[in-house]
Amino acid sequence: GAEEVDSDRRTAGRETAAEGGGSEVWAEKRARLVARHEAAAGAAAAGFCYRILPCLVKTGDSLLQEQFAVQLICAFQDIFDAARLPLSLHAYEIFATAPDAGLVQLVTGADSIDGLKRRSTPPPALADLFRRAFGPRSSRAHRRAERAFCSSCAAWAVVTYLLQIKDRHNGNILLRADGAIVHIDFGFLLSNSPGGNINFEAAPFKLTSEYVDLMGGARSSTFLRFRELVIKGFLAARKHADKLIALAQLTLHGAGRDMPCFTAGQAAVDGLRSRFQPEMTRWQCARHVDEMIGRSIDHWTTTCYDRYQRCWLGIMS
């Protein structure tokens, strides 16, 4: 059916985990818009299916690469769901409506980790944010939020590594009201990276000591669960590598010619294929992924990149 779009960014449900409000403001606004629409349409609205999405209208910039990235991310989510893995990416939608314009769905009930840290002096650690929002670690609410954080971190670890999504500072990582994280802004993936493609973020994926501490430490049951989910998610994606590679290959020979992520050409697709480790056995691949997790913990390039963003752009690390 038709879709109504609301582009009021300020009231798109900004309550976050740190505020404990969920997406209540957006839910109320959506209900008001639905009521207004149905009152205006009268009997014609009966049985009419539609969605109301909070969107940002973006002009002066191509959204084709972002739309392509979201297509891939949604394909990963389908794979995780088919494998019945509790891995959630909470992907949002992007609609490229013109070569230099489009609509970006806002993530309701979430705020960037950067934004959450700015609200207190000194900036709190993630574990402190969770305690304020959900109570002590022993509480049911905290355990539920910790599980959401763990499963979303594991899902994004798989995706950001395989797609080589870069520029992962805290302005591009959101925290939802339920404790899960969501990555946004996919201007750098596959073969392009910030700073003229120097590929400074050399860790397999972002896994700071704050993340590990929030999950209870490297020896905790939650972190062991995180390791298990990353391995299972990677192996599930590996089973469908041909589908994901084919999507990248087709895009390269189509709209991808104008996308920065295909700067390296065929090498970008070949790199994606190699990251699935097709020559390894399942056991070897599982061990390889477990080793990647160890290498990612507090990787020096992750720390330095966050510090650089803090110094030059004021983004909290």
C-alpha atoms as a PDB file:
ATOM      1  CA  GLY A   1       0.000   0.000   0.000  1.00  0.00           C
ATOM      2  CA  ALA A   2       0.922   3.636   0.078  1.00  0.00           C
ATOM      3  CA  GLU A   3       3.398   4.927   2.621  1.00  0.00           C
ATOM      4  CA  GLU A   4       3.197   8.234   4.445  1.00  0.00           C
ATOM      5  CA  VAL A   5       6.479   9.790   5.407  1.00  0.00           C
ATOM      6  CA  ASP A   6       7.119  12.134   8.278  1.00  0.00           C
ATOM      7  CA  SER A   7      10.374  14.048   8.113  1.00  0.00           C
ATOM      8  CA  ASP A   8      10.299  15.857  11.474  1.00  0.00           C
ATOM      9  CA  ARG A   9      13.637  14.715  12.818  1.00  0.00           C
ATOM     10  CA  ARG A  10      13.294  16.390  16.198  1.00  0.00           C
ATOM     11  CA  THR A  11      10.246  14.355  17.222  1.00  0.00           C
ATOM     12  CA  ALA A  12      11.048  11.014  15.627  1.00  0.00           C
ATOM     13  CA  GLY A  13      11.285   9.228  18.964  1.00  0.00           C
ATOM     14  CA  ARG A  14      14.612  10.313  20.416  1.00  0.00           C
ATOM     15  CA  GLU A  15      14.151   8.646  23.817  1.00  0.00           C
ATOM     16  CA  THR A  16      16.946   6.204  24.330  1.00  0.00           C
ATOM     17  CA  ALA A  17      18.214   3.564  26.683  1.00  0.00           C
ATOM     18  CA  ALA A  18      19.868   6.229  28.801  1.00  0.00           C
ATOM     19  CA  GLU A  19      16.544   7.995  29.255  1.00  0.00           C
ATOM     20  CA  GLY A  20      14.419   4.887  29.666  1.00  0.00           C
ATOM     21  CA  GLY A  21      11.677   6.233  27.387  1.00  0.00           C
ATOM     22  CA  GLY A  22      11.754   3.701  24.556  1.00  0.00           C
ATOM     23  CA  SER A  23      10.202   5.009  21.342  1.00  0.00           C
ATOM     24  CA  GLU A  24       7.121   6.349  23.114  1.00  0.00           C
ATOM     25  CA  VAL A  25       7.180   9.820  21.539  1.00  0.00           C
ATOM     26  CA  TRP A  26       7.339   8.399  18.010  1.00  0.00           C
ATOM     27  CA  ALA A  27       4.622   5.852  18.840  1.00  0.00           C
ATOM     28  CA  GLU A  28       2.355   8.675  20.027  1.00  0.00           C
ATOM     29  CA  LYS A  29       3.088  10.773  16.963  1.00  0.00           C
ATOM     30  CA  ARG A  30       2.445   7.838  14.641  1.00  0.00           C
ATOM     31  CA  ALA A  31      -0.893   7.163  16.357  1.00  0.00           C
ATOM     32  CA  ARG A  32      -1.850  10.821  15.926  1.00  0.00           C
ATOM     33  CA  LEU A  33      -0.961  10.769  12.221  1.00  0.00           C
ATOM     34  CA  VAL A  34      -2.885   7.532  11.679  1.00  0.00           C
ATOM     35  CA  ALA A  35      -5.941   8.968  13.431  1.00  0.00           C
ATOM     36  CA  ARG A  36      -5.752  12.164  11.383  1.00  0.00           C
ATOM     37  CA  HIS A  37      -5.374  10.223   8.132  1.00  0.00           C
ATOM     38  CA  GLU A  38      -8.274   7.889   8.886  1.00  0.00           C
ATOM     39  CA  ALA A  39     -10.489  10.771   9.956  1.00  0.00           C
ATOM     40  CA  ALA A  40      -9.773  12.590   6.698  1.00  0.00           C
ATOM     41  CA  ALA A  41     -10.171   9.503   4.523  1.00  0.00           C
ATOM     42  CA  GLY A  42     -13.293   8.274   6.265  1.00  0.00           C
ATOM     43  CA  ALA A  43     -14.696   5.006   4.946  1.00  0.00           C
ATOM     44  CA  ALA A  44     -12.057   4.923   2.193  1.00  0.00           C
ATOM     45  CA  ALA A  45      -9.413   4.149   4.840  1.00  0.00           C
ATOM     46  CA  ALA A  46     -11.072   0.871   5.834  1.00  0.00           C
ATOM     47  CA  GLY A  47      -8.853  -2.081   4.983  1.00  0.00           C
ATOM     48  CA  PHE A  48      -6.156   0.193   3.544  1.00  0.00           C
ATOM     49  CA  CYS A  49      -2.630  -1.003   4.379  1.00  0.00           C
ATOM     50  CA  TYR A  50       0.179   1.493   4.836  1.00  0.00           C
ATOM     51  CA  ARG A  51       3.118   2.373   7.046  1.00  0.00           C
ATOM     52  CA  ILE A  52       4.213   5.680   8.474  1.00  0.00           C
ATOM     53  CA  LEU A  53       7.982   6.094   8.536  1.00  0.00           C
ATOM     54  CA  PRO A  54      10.023   8.937  10.056  1.00  0.00           C
ATOM     55  CA  CYS A  55      12.438   9.950   7.307  1.00  0.00           C
ATOM     56  CA  LEU A  56      15.195  12.419   6.618  1.00  0.00           C
ATOM     57  CA  VAL A  57      15.093  13.968   3.144  1.00  0.00           C
ATOM     58  CA  LYS A  58      18.653  14.097   1.834  1.00  0.00           C
ATOM     59  CA  THR A  59      19.767  16.072  -1.217  1.00  0.00           C
ATOM     60  CA  GLY A  60      23.062  16.904  -2.870  1.00  0.00           C
ATOM     61  CA  ASP A  61      24.516  13.458  -2.282  1.00  0.00           C
ATOM     62  CA  SER A  62      24.066  10.065  -3.921  1.00  0.00           C
ATOM     63  CA  LEU A  63      22.375   7.446  -1.764  1.00  0.00           C
ATOM     64  CA  LEU A  64      22.960   4.562  -4.162  1.00  0.00           C
ATOM     65  CA  GLN A  65      25.888   3.153  -2.163  1.00  0.00           C
ATOM     66  CA  GLU A  66      23.998   3.444   1.132  1.00  0.00           C
ATOM     67  CA  GLN A  67      20.991   1.734  -0.446  1.00  0.00           C
ATOM     68  CA  PHE A  68      23.245  -1.050  -1.746  1.00  0.00           C
ATOM     69  CA  ALA A  69      24.821  -1.468   1.705  1.00  0.00           C
ATOM     70  CA  VAL A  70      21.391  -1.765   3.322  1.00  0.00           C
ATOM     71  CA  GLN A  71      20.404  -4.382   0.714  1.00  0.00           C
ATOM     72  CA  LEU A  72      23.403  -6.463   1.748  1.00  0.00           C
ATOM     73  CA  ILE A  73      22.725  -5.915   5.448  1.00  0.00           C
ATOM     74  CA  CYS A  74      19.106  -7.041   5.009  1.00  0.00           C
ATOM     75  CA  ALA A  75      20.368 -10.130   3.155  1.00  0.00           C
ATOM     76  CA  PHE A  76      22.534 -10.947   6.189  1.00  0.00           C
ATOM     77  CA  GLN A  77      19.524 -10.523   8.475  1.00  0.00           C
ATOM     78  CA  ASP A  78      17.524 -12.933   6.311  1.00  0.00           C
ATOM     79  CA  ILE A  79      20.359 -15.464   6.604  1.00  0.00           C
ATOM     80  CA  PHE A  80      20.507 -15.118  10.394  1.00  0.00           C
ATOM     81  CA  ASP A  81      16.733 -15.467  10.651  1.00  0.00           C
ATOM     82  CA  ALA A  82      16.675 -18.555   8.409  1.00  0.00           C
ATOM     83  CA  ALA A  83      19.356 -20.139  10.618  1.00  0.00           C
ATOM     84  CA  ARG A  84      17.259 -19.239  13.696  1.00  0.00           C
ATOM     85  CA  LEU A  85      20.102 -17.297  15.229  1.00  0.00           C
ATOM     86  CA  PRO A  86      19.246 -14.532  17.732  1.00  0.00           C
ATOM     87  CA  LEU A  87      21.276 -11.994  15.751  1.00  0.00           C
ATOM     88  CA  SER A  88      19.632  -8.635  15.120  1.00  0.00           C
ATOM     89  CA  LEU A  89      20.958  -5.843  12.901  1.00  0.00           C
ATOM     90  CA  HIS A  90      17.850  -3.622  13.153  1.00  0.00           C
ATOM     91  CA  ALA A  91      18.496  -2.324   9.637  1.00  0.00           C
ATOM     92  CA  TYR A  92      16.733   0.821   8.484  1.00  0.00           C
ATOM     93  CA  GLU A  93      15.522   1.632   4.981  1.00  0.00           C
ATOM     94  CA  ILE A  94      16.995   3.939   2.355  1.00  0.00           C
ATOM     95  CA  PHE A  95      15.239   5.020  -0.827  1.00  0.00           C
ATOM     96  CA  ALA A  96      17.368   6.620  -3.555  1.00  0.00           C
ATOM     97  CA  THR A  97      14.762   8.676  -5.427  1.00  0.00           C
ATOM     98  CA  ALA A  98      17.181  10.505  -7.736  1.00  0.00           C
ATOM     99  CA  PRO A  99      20.907  10.407  -8.580  1.00  0.00           C
ATOM    100  CA  ASP A 100      21.593  12.971  -5.848  1.00  0.00           C
ATOM    101  CA  ALA A 101      18.637  12.670  -3.481  1.00  0.00           C
ATOM    102  CA  GLY A 102      16.570  10.248  -1.456  1.00  0.00           C
ATOM    103  CA  LEU A 103      14.953   9.323   1.834  1.00  0.00           C
ATOM    104  CA  VAL A 104      16.708   7.862   4.877  1.00  0.00           C
ATOM    105  CA  GLN A 105      14.559   6.195   7.532  1.00  0.00           C
ATOM    106  CA  LEU A 106      15.323   7.466  11.019  1.00  0.00           C
ATOM    107  CA  VAL A 107      16.006   4.937  13.754  1.00  0.00           C
ATOM    108  CA  THR A 108      13.416   5.692  16.424  1.00  0.00           C
ATOM    109  CA  GLY A 109      14.055   5.233  20.119  1.00  0.00           C
ATOM    110  CA  ALA A 110      17.817   5.453  19.670  1.00  0.00           C
ATOM    111  CA  ASP A 111      20.680   7.903  19.933  1.00  0.00           C
ATOM    112  CA  SER A 112      24.352   7.741  19.064  1.00  0.00           C
ATOM    113  CA  ILE A 113      26.783   6.571  21.717  1.00  0.00           C
ATOM    114  CA  ASP A 114      28.513   9.910  21.158  1.00  0.00           C
ATOM    115  CA  GLY A 115      25.286  11.767  21.972  1.00  0.00           C
ATOM    116  CA  LEU A 116      24.626   9.690  25.083  1.00  0.00           C
ATOM    117  CA  LYS A 117      28.122  10.248  26.440  1.00  0.00           C
ATOM    118  CA  ARG A 118      27.880  14.022  25.902  1.00  0.00           C
ATOM    119  CA  ARG A 119      25.030  14.316  28.370  1.00  0.00           C
ATOM    120  CA  SER A 120      27.209  13.722  31.428  1.00  0.00           C
ATOM    121  CA  THR A 121      30.507  15.102  32.707  1.00  0.00           C
ATOM    122  CA  PRO A 122      32.768  13.216  32.719  1.00  0.00           C
ATOM    123  CA  PRO A 123      31.444  11.057  29.861  1.00  0.00           C
ATOM    124  CA  PRO A 124      30.228   7.756  31.342  1.00  0.00           C
ATOM    125  CA  ALA A 125      31.388   4.323  30.234  1.00  0.00           C
ATOM    126  CA  LEU A 126      28.834   2.148  28.483  1.00  0.00           C
ATOM    127  CA  ALA A 127      28.528  -0.056  31.569  1.00  0.00           C
ATOM    128  CA  ASP A 128      27.585   3.030  33.620  1.00  0.00           C
ATOM    129  CA  LEU A 129      25.001   4.071  31.022  1.00  0.00           C
ATOM    130  CA  PHE A 130      23.413   0.638  31.247  1.00  0.00           C
ATOM    131  CA  ARG A 131      23.350   0.679  35.049  1.00  0.00           C
ATOM    132  CA  ARG A 132      21.616   4.062  35.027  1.00  0.00           C
ATOM    133  CA  ALA A 133      19.050   2.941  32.467  1.00  0.00           C
ATOM    134  CA  PHE A 134      18.421  -0.660  33.491  1.00  0.00           C
ATOM    135  CA  GLY A 135      19.517  -0.941  37.110  1.00  0.00           C
ATOM    136  CA  PRO A 136      22.190  -3.223  38.591  1.00  0.00           C
ATOM    137  CA  ARG A 137      23.643  -6.078  36.543  1.00  0.00           C
ATOM    138  CA  SER A 138      21.725  -8.564  38.652  1.00  0.00           C
ATOM    139  CA  SER A 139      18.360  -7.071  37.661  1.00  0.00           C
ATOM    140  CA  ARG A 140      16.139  -8.680  35.043  1.00  0.00           C
ATOM    141  CA  ALA A 141      15.987  -5.472  32.978  1.00  0.00           C
ATOM    142  CA  HIS A 142      19.779  -5.210  32.863  1.00  0.00           C
ATOM    143  CA  ARG A 143      20.221  -8.848  31.892  1.00  0.00           C
ATOM    144  CA  ARG A 144      17.689  -8.439  29.089  1.00  0.00           C
ATOM    145  CA  ALA A 145      19.436  -5.288  27.795  1.00  0.00           C
ATOM    146  CA  GLU A 146      22.828  -6.987  28.062  1.00  0.00           C
ATOM    147  CA  ARG A 147      21.562  -9.876  25.929  1.00  0.00           C
ATOM    148  CA  ALA A 148      20.280  -7.414  23.321  1.00  0.00           C
ATOM    149  CA  PHE A 149      23.648  -5.664  23.283  1.00  0.00           C
ATOM    150  CA  CYS A 150      25.499  -8.973  22.996  1.00  0.00           C
ATOM    151  CA  SER A 151      23.422 -10.326  20.108  1.00  0.00           C
ATOM    152  CA  SER A 152      23.475  -7.074  18.141  1.00  0.00           C
ATOM    153  CA  CYS A 153      27.233  -6.659  18.660  1.00  0.00           C
ATOM    154  CA  ALA A 154      27.778 -10.195  17.391  1.00  0.00           C
ATOM    155  CA  ALA A 155      25.600  -9.584  14.329  1.00  0.00           C
ATOM    156  CA  TRP A 156      27.389  -6.357  13.449  1.00  0.00           C
ATOM    157  CA  ALA A 157      30.798  -7.940  14.059  1.00  0.00           C
ATOM    158  CA  VAL A 158      30.075 -10.450  11.286  1.00  0.00           C
ATOM    159  CA  VAL A 159      28.671  -7.847   8.894  1.00  0.00           C
ATOM    160  CA  THR A 160      31.219  -5.077   9.430  1.00  0.00           C
ATOM    161  CA  TYR A 161      34.070  -7.542   8.927  1.00  0.00           C
ATOM    162  CA  LEU A 162      32.749  -9.250   5.804  1.00  0.00           C
ATOM    163  CA  LEU A 163      31.637  -5.973   4.205  1.00  0.00           C
ATOM    164  CA  GLN A 164      34.642  -4.056   5.578  1.00  0.00           C
ATOM    165  CA  ILE A 165      32.443  -1.229   6.848  1.00  0.00           C
ATOM    166  CA  LYS A 166      34.711   1.570   8.093  1.00  0.00           C
ATOM    167  CA  ASP A 167      34.457   4.933   9.869  1.00  0.00           C
ATOM    168  CA  ARG A 168      33.094   3.187  12.964  1.00  0.00           C
ATOM    169  CA  HIS A 169      33.306   6.031  15.454  1.00  0.00           C
ATOM    170  CA  ASN A 170      30.669   6.556  18.148  1.00  0.00           C
ATOM    171  CA  GLY A 171      28.730   9.038  16.036  1.00  0.00           C
ATOM    172  CA  ASN A 172      27.923   6.220  13.623  1.00  0.00           C
ATOM    173  CA  ILE A 173      26.843   3.670  16.235  1.00  0.00           C
ATOM    174  CA  LEU A 174      23.444   4.064  17.871  1.00  0.00           C
ATOM    175  CA  LEU A 175      22.182   2.572  21.115  1.00  0.00           C
ATOM    176  CA  ARG A 176      18.522   1.554  21.134  1.00  0.00           C
ATOM    177  CA  ALA A 177      16.180   1.741  24.090  1.00  0.00           C
ATOM    178  CA  ASP A 178      16.350  -2.050  24.481  1.00  0.00           C
ATOM    179  CA  GLY A 179      20.167  -2.056  24.726  1.00  0.00           C
ATOM    180  CA  ALA A 180      20.925  -3.160  21.158  1.00  0.00           C
ATOM    181  CA  ILE A 181      23.316  -1.270  18.898  1.00  0.00           C
ATOM    182  CA  VAL A 182      22.667  -0.166  15.319  1.00  0.00           C
ATOM    183  CA  HIS A 183      25.330   0.948  12.857  1.00  0.00           C
ATOM    184  CA  ILE A 184      24.539   3.804  10.471  1.00  0.00           C
ATOM    185  CA  ASP A 185      26.309   5.674   7.651  1.00  0.00           C
ATOM    186  CA  PHE A 186      27.771   3.286   5.108  1.00  0.00           C
ATOM    187  CA  GLY A 187      29.945   5.620   3.072  1.00  0.00           C
ATOM    188  CA  PHE A 188      32.957   3.344   3.454  1.00  0.00           C
ATOM    189  CA  LEU A 189      32.819  -0.379   2.737  1.00  0.00           C
ATOM    190  CA  LEU A 190      34.331  -3.142   0.600  1.00  0.00           C
ATOM    191  CA  SER A 191      37.278  -1.216  -0.861  1.00  0.00           C
ATOM    192  CA  ASN A 192      37.138   2.453   0.185  1.00  0.00           C
ATOM    193  CA  SER A 193      38.011   3.915   3.578  1.00  0.00           C
ATOM    194  CA  PRO A 194      38.479   7.329   5.224  1.00  0.00           C
ATOM    195  CA  GLY A 195      41.621   9.362   4.636  1.00  0.00           C
ATOM    196  CA  GLY A 196      42.045   8.537   0.964  1.00  0.00           C
ATOM    197  CA  ASN A 197      41.626   4.769   1.334  1.00  0.00           C
ATOM    198  CA  ILE A 198      44.508   4.272   3.777  1.00  0.00           C
ATOM    199  CA  ASN A 199      42.483   1.560   5.566  1.00  0.00           C
ATOM    200  CA  PHE A 200      43.646   2.696   8.998  1.00  0.00           C
ATOM    201  CA  GLU A 201      40.920   0.794  10.883  1.00  0.00           C
ATOM    202  CA  ALA A 202      42.756  -2.510  10.632  1.00  0.00           C
ATOM    203  CA  ALA A 203      40.891  -4.465  13.318  1.00  0.00           C
ATOM    204  CA  PRO A 204      38.555  -7.148  11.951  1.00  0.00           C
ATOM    205  CA  PHE A 205      35.712  -5.259  13.662  1.00  0.00           C
ATOM    206  CA  LYS A 206      35.166  -2.781  16.477  1.00  0.00           C
ATOM    207  CA  LEU A 207      35.339  -4.432  19.900  1.00  0.00           C
ATOM    208  CA  THR A 208      36.495  -1.980  22.538  1.00  0.00           C
ATOM    209  CA  SER A 209      37.256  -2.758  26.163  1.00  0.00           C
ATOM    210  CA  GLU A 210      34.032  -0.870  26.985  1.00  0.00           C
ATOM    211  CA  TYR A 211      32.053  -3.431  24.995  1.00  0.00           C
ATOM    212  CA  VAL A 212      33.801  -6.299  26.758  1.00  0.00           C
ATOM    213  CA  ASP A 213      33.323  -4.719  30.199  1.00  0.00           C
ATOM    214  CA  LEU A 214      29.631  -4.170  29.512  1.00  0.00           C
ATOM    215  CA  MET A 215      29.280  -7.880  28.742  1.00  0.00           C
ATOM    216  CA  GLY A 216      30.909  -8.734  32.074  1.00  0.00           C
ATOM    217  CA  GLY A 217      34.530  -9.186  31.014  1.00  0.00           C
ATOM    218  CA  ALA A 218      36.335 -11.548  28.661  1.00  0.00           C
ATOM    219  CA  ARG A 219      35.649 -14.599  30.865  1.00  0.00           C
ATOM    220  CA  SER A 220      31.978 -13.897  31.502  1.00  0.00           C
ATOM    221  CA  SER A 221      29.159 -16.094  30.252  1.00  0.00           C
ATOM    222  CA  THR A 222      27.796 -13.193  28.183  1.00  0.00           C
ATOM    223  CA  PHE A 223      31.089 -12.675  26.384  1.00  0.00           C
ATOM    224  CA  LEU A 224      31.432 -16.402  25.771  1.00  0.00           C
ATOM    225  CA  ARG A 225      27.942 -16.220  24.277  1.00  0.00           C
ATOM    226  CA  PHE A 226      29.126 -13.317  22.122  1.00  0.00           C
ATOM    227  CA  ARG A 227      31.996 -15.429  20.792  1.00  0.00           C
ATOM    228  CA  GLU A 228      29.623 -18.292  20.050  1.00  0.00           C
ATOM    229  CA  LEU A 229      27.181 -16.034  18.191  1.00  0.00           C
ATOM    230  CA  VAL A 230      29.889 -14.410  16.072  1.00  0.00           C
ATOM    231  CA  ILE A 231      31.166 -17.833  15.007  1.00  0.00           C
ATOM    232  CA  LYS A 232      27.681 -19.185  14.296  1.00  0.00           C
ATOM    233  CA  GLY A 233      26.718 -16.022  12.427  1.00  0.00           C
ATOM    234  CA  PHE A 234      29.848 -16.151  10.298  1.00  0.00           C
ATOM    235  CA  LEU A 235      29.338 -19.824   9.453  1.00  0.00           C
ATOM    236  CA  ALA A 236      25.690 -19.190   8.562  1.00  0.00           C
ATOM    237  CA  ALA A 237      26.677 -16.330   6.245  1.00  0.00           C
ATOM    238  CA  ARG A 238      29.411 -18.495   4.739  1.00  0.00           C
ATOM    239  CA  LYS A 239      26.811 -21.047   3.635  1.00  0.00           C
ATOM    240  CA  HIS A 240      25.197 -18.315   1.546  1.00  0.00           C
ATOM    241  CA  ALA A 241      28.398 -16.657   0.370  1.00  0.00           C
ATOM    242  CA  ASP A 242      27.536 -17.202  -3.298  1.00  0.00           C
ATOM    243  CA  LYS A 243      24.306 -15.211  -2.937  1.00  0.00           C
ATOM    244  CA  LEU A 244      26.045 -12.292  -1.220  1.00  0.00           C
ATOM    245  CA  ILE A 245      28.955 -12.303  -3.659  1.00  0.00           C
ATOM    246  CA  ALA A 246      26.555 -12.437  -6.625  1.00  0.00           C
ATOM    247  CA  LEU A 247      24.731  -9.358  -5.326  1.00  0.00           C
ATOM    248  CA  ALA A 248      28.027  -7.480  -5.101  1.00  0.00           C
ATOM    249  CA  GLN A 249      29.141  -8.731  -8.534  1.00  0.00           C
ATOM    250  CA  LEU A 250      25.899  -7.667 -10.229  1.00  0.00           C
ATOM    251  CA  THR A 251      26.049  -4.263  -8.572  1.00  0.00           C
ATOM    252  CA  LEU A 252      29.663  -3.779  -9.672  1.00  0.00           C
ATOM    253  CA  HIS A 253      28.665  -4.234 -13.309  1.00  0.00           C
ATOM    254  CA  GLY A 254      25.603  -2.005 -12.919  1.00  0.00           C
ATOM    255  CA  ALA A 255      25.156   1.013 -10.667  1.00  0.00           C
ATOM    256  CA  GLY A 256      28.351   0.100  -8.810  1.00  0.00           C
ATOM    257  CA  ARG A 257      30.482   1.765 -11.455  1.00  0.00           C
ATOM    258  CA  ASP A 258      29.643   5.081  -9.792  1.00  0.00           C
ATOM    259  CA  MET A 259      29.971   3.874  -6.191  1.00  0.00           C
ATOM    260  CA  PRO A 260      33.112   4.705  -4.173  1.00  0.00           C
ATOM    261  CA  CYS A 261      32.985   1.265  -2.513  1.00  0.00           C
ATOM    262  CA  PHE A 262      33.898  -0.259  -5.890  1.00  0.00           C
ATOM    263  CA  THR A 263      36.955   1.947  -6.363  1.00  0.00           C
ATOM    264  CA  ALA A 264      39.069  -1.214  -6.505  1.00  0.00           C
ATOM    265  CA  GLY A 265      36.826  -2.731  -9.185  1.00  0.00           C
ATOM    266  CA  GLN A 266      36.758  -6.520  -9.345  1.00  0.00           C
ATOM    267  CA  ALA A 267      39.236  -6.675  -6.451  1.00  0.00           C
ATOM    268  CA  ALA A 268      36.451  -5.436  -4.141  1.00  0.00           C
ATOM    269  CA  VAL A 269      34.325  -8.481  -4.973  1.00  0.00           C
ATOM    270  CA  ASP A 270      37.317 -10.823  -4.850  1.00  0.00           C
ATOM    271  CA  GLY A 271      38.160  -9.478  -1.396  1.00  0.00           C
ATOM    272  CA  LEU A 272      34.635 -10.198  -0.201  1.00  0.00           C
ATOM    273  CA  ARG A 273      34.914 -13.746  -1.524  1.00  0.00           C
ATOM    274  CA  SER A 274      38.269 -14.322   0.200  1.00  0.00           C
ATOM    275  CA  ARG A 275      36.952 -13.135   3.584  1.00  0.00           C
ATOM    276  CA  PHE A 276      34.517 -16.046   3.589  1.00  0.00           C
ATOM    277  CA  GLN A 277      37.608 -18.322   3.686  1.00  0.00           C
ATOM    278  CA  PRO A 278      36.260 -20.798   1.087  1.00  0.00           C
ATOM    279  CA  GLU A 279      39.391 -22.959   1.273  1.00  0.00           C
ATOM    280  CA  MET A 280      38.950 -23.680   4.995  1.00  0.00           C
ATOM    281  CA  THR A 281      36.983 -26.495   6.561  1.00  0.00           C
ATOM    282  CA  ARG A 282      34.108 -25.552   8.856  1.00  0.00           C
ATOM    283  CA  TRP A 283      36.237 -26.283  11.927  1.00  0.00           C
ATOM    284  CA  GLN A 284      39.173 -24.266  10.588  1.00  0.00           C
ATOM    285  CA  CYS A 285      36.869 -21.365   9.795  1.00  0.00           C
ATOM    286  CA  ALA A 286      35.366 -21.405  13.296  1.00  0.00           C
ATOM    287  CA  ARG A 287      38.848 -21.278  14.785  1.00  0.00           C
ATOM    288  CA  HIS A 288      39.798 -18.458  12.389  1.00  0.00           C
ATOM    289  CA  VAL A 289      36.796 -16.381  13.505  1.00  0.00           C
ATOM    290  CA  ASP A 290      37.553 -17.006  17.181  1.00  0.00           C
ATOM    291  CA  GLU A 291      41.091 -15.743  16.611  1.00  0.00           C
ATOM    292  CA  MET A 292      39.687 -12.646  14.894  1.00  0.00           C
ATOM    293  CA  ILE A 293      37.628 -11.898  17.989  1.00  0.00           C
ATOM    294  CA  GLY A 294      40.768 -11.996  20.111  1.00  0.00           C
ATOM    295  CA  ARG A 295      42.607  -9.678  17.705  1.00  0.00           C
ATOM    296  CA  SER A 296      39.740  -7.198  17.685  1.00  0.00           C
ATOM    297  CA  ILE A 297      39.569  -6.620  21.445  1.00  0.00           C
ATOM    298  CA  ASP A 298      40.858  -3.092  22.084  1.00  0.00           C
ATOM    299  CA  HIS A 299      42.840  -3.126  18.812  1.00  0.00           C
ATOM    300  CA  TRP A 300      45.226  -0.179  18.767  1.00  0.00           C
ATOM    301  CA  THR A 301      43.875   1.192  15.477  1.00  0.00           C
ATOM    302  CA  THR A 302      40.347   1.213  16.905  1.00  0.00           C
ATOM    303  CA  THR A 303      41.548   3.162  19.946  1.00  0.00           C
ATOM    304  CA  CYS A 304      43.598   5.591  17.849  1.00  0.00           C
ATOM    305  CA  TYR A 305      40.774   6.190  15.376  1.00  0.00           C
ATOM    306  CA  ASP A 306      38.363   7.008  18.208  1.00  0.00           C
ATOM    307  CA  ARG A 307      40.930   9.386  19.722  1.00  0.00           C
ATOM    308  CA  TYR A 308      41.452  11.058  16.353  1.00  0.00           C
ATOM    309  CA  GLN A 309      37.702  11.604  15.981  1.00  0.00           C
ATOM    310  CA  ARG A 310      37.597  12.989  19.527  1.00  0.00           C
ATOM    311  CA  CYS A 311      40.423  15.463  18.897  1.00  0.00           C
ATOM    312  CA  TRP A 312      39.402  16.683  15.445  1.00  0.00           C
ATOM    313  CA  LEU A 313      35.618  16.368  15.384  1.00  0.00           C
ATOM    314  CA  GLY A 314      34.731  16.240  19.071  1.00  0.00           C
ATOM    315  CA  ILE A 315      33.109  12.799  18.794  1.00  0.00           C
ATOM    316  CA  MET A 316      33.192  11.100  22.181  1.00  0.00           C
ATOM    317  CA  SER A 317      35.199   7.879  22.442  1.00  0.00           C
END
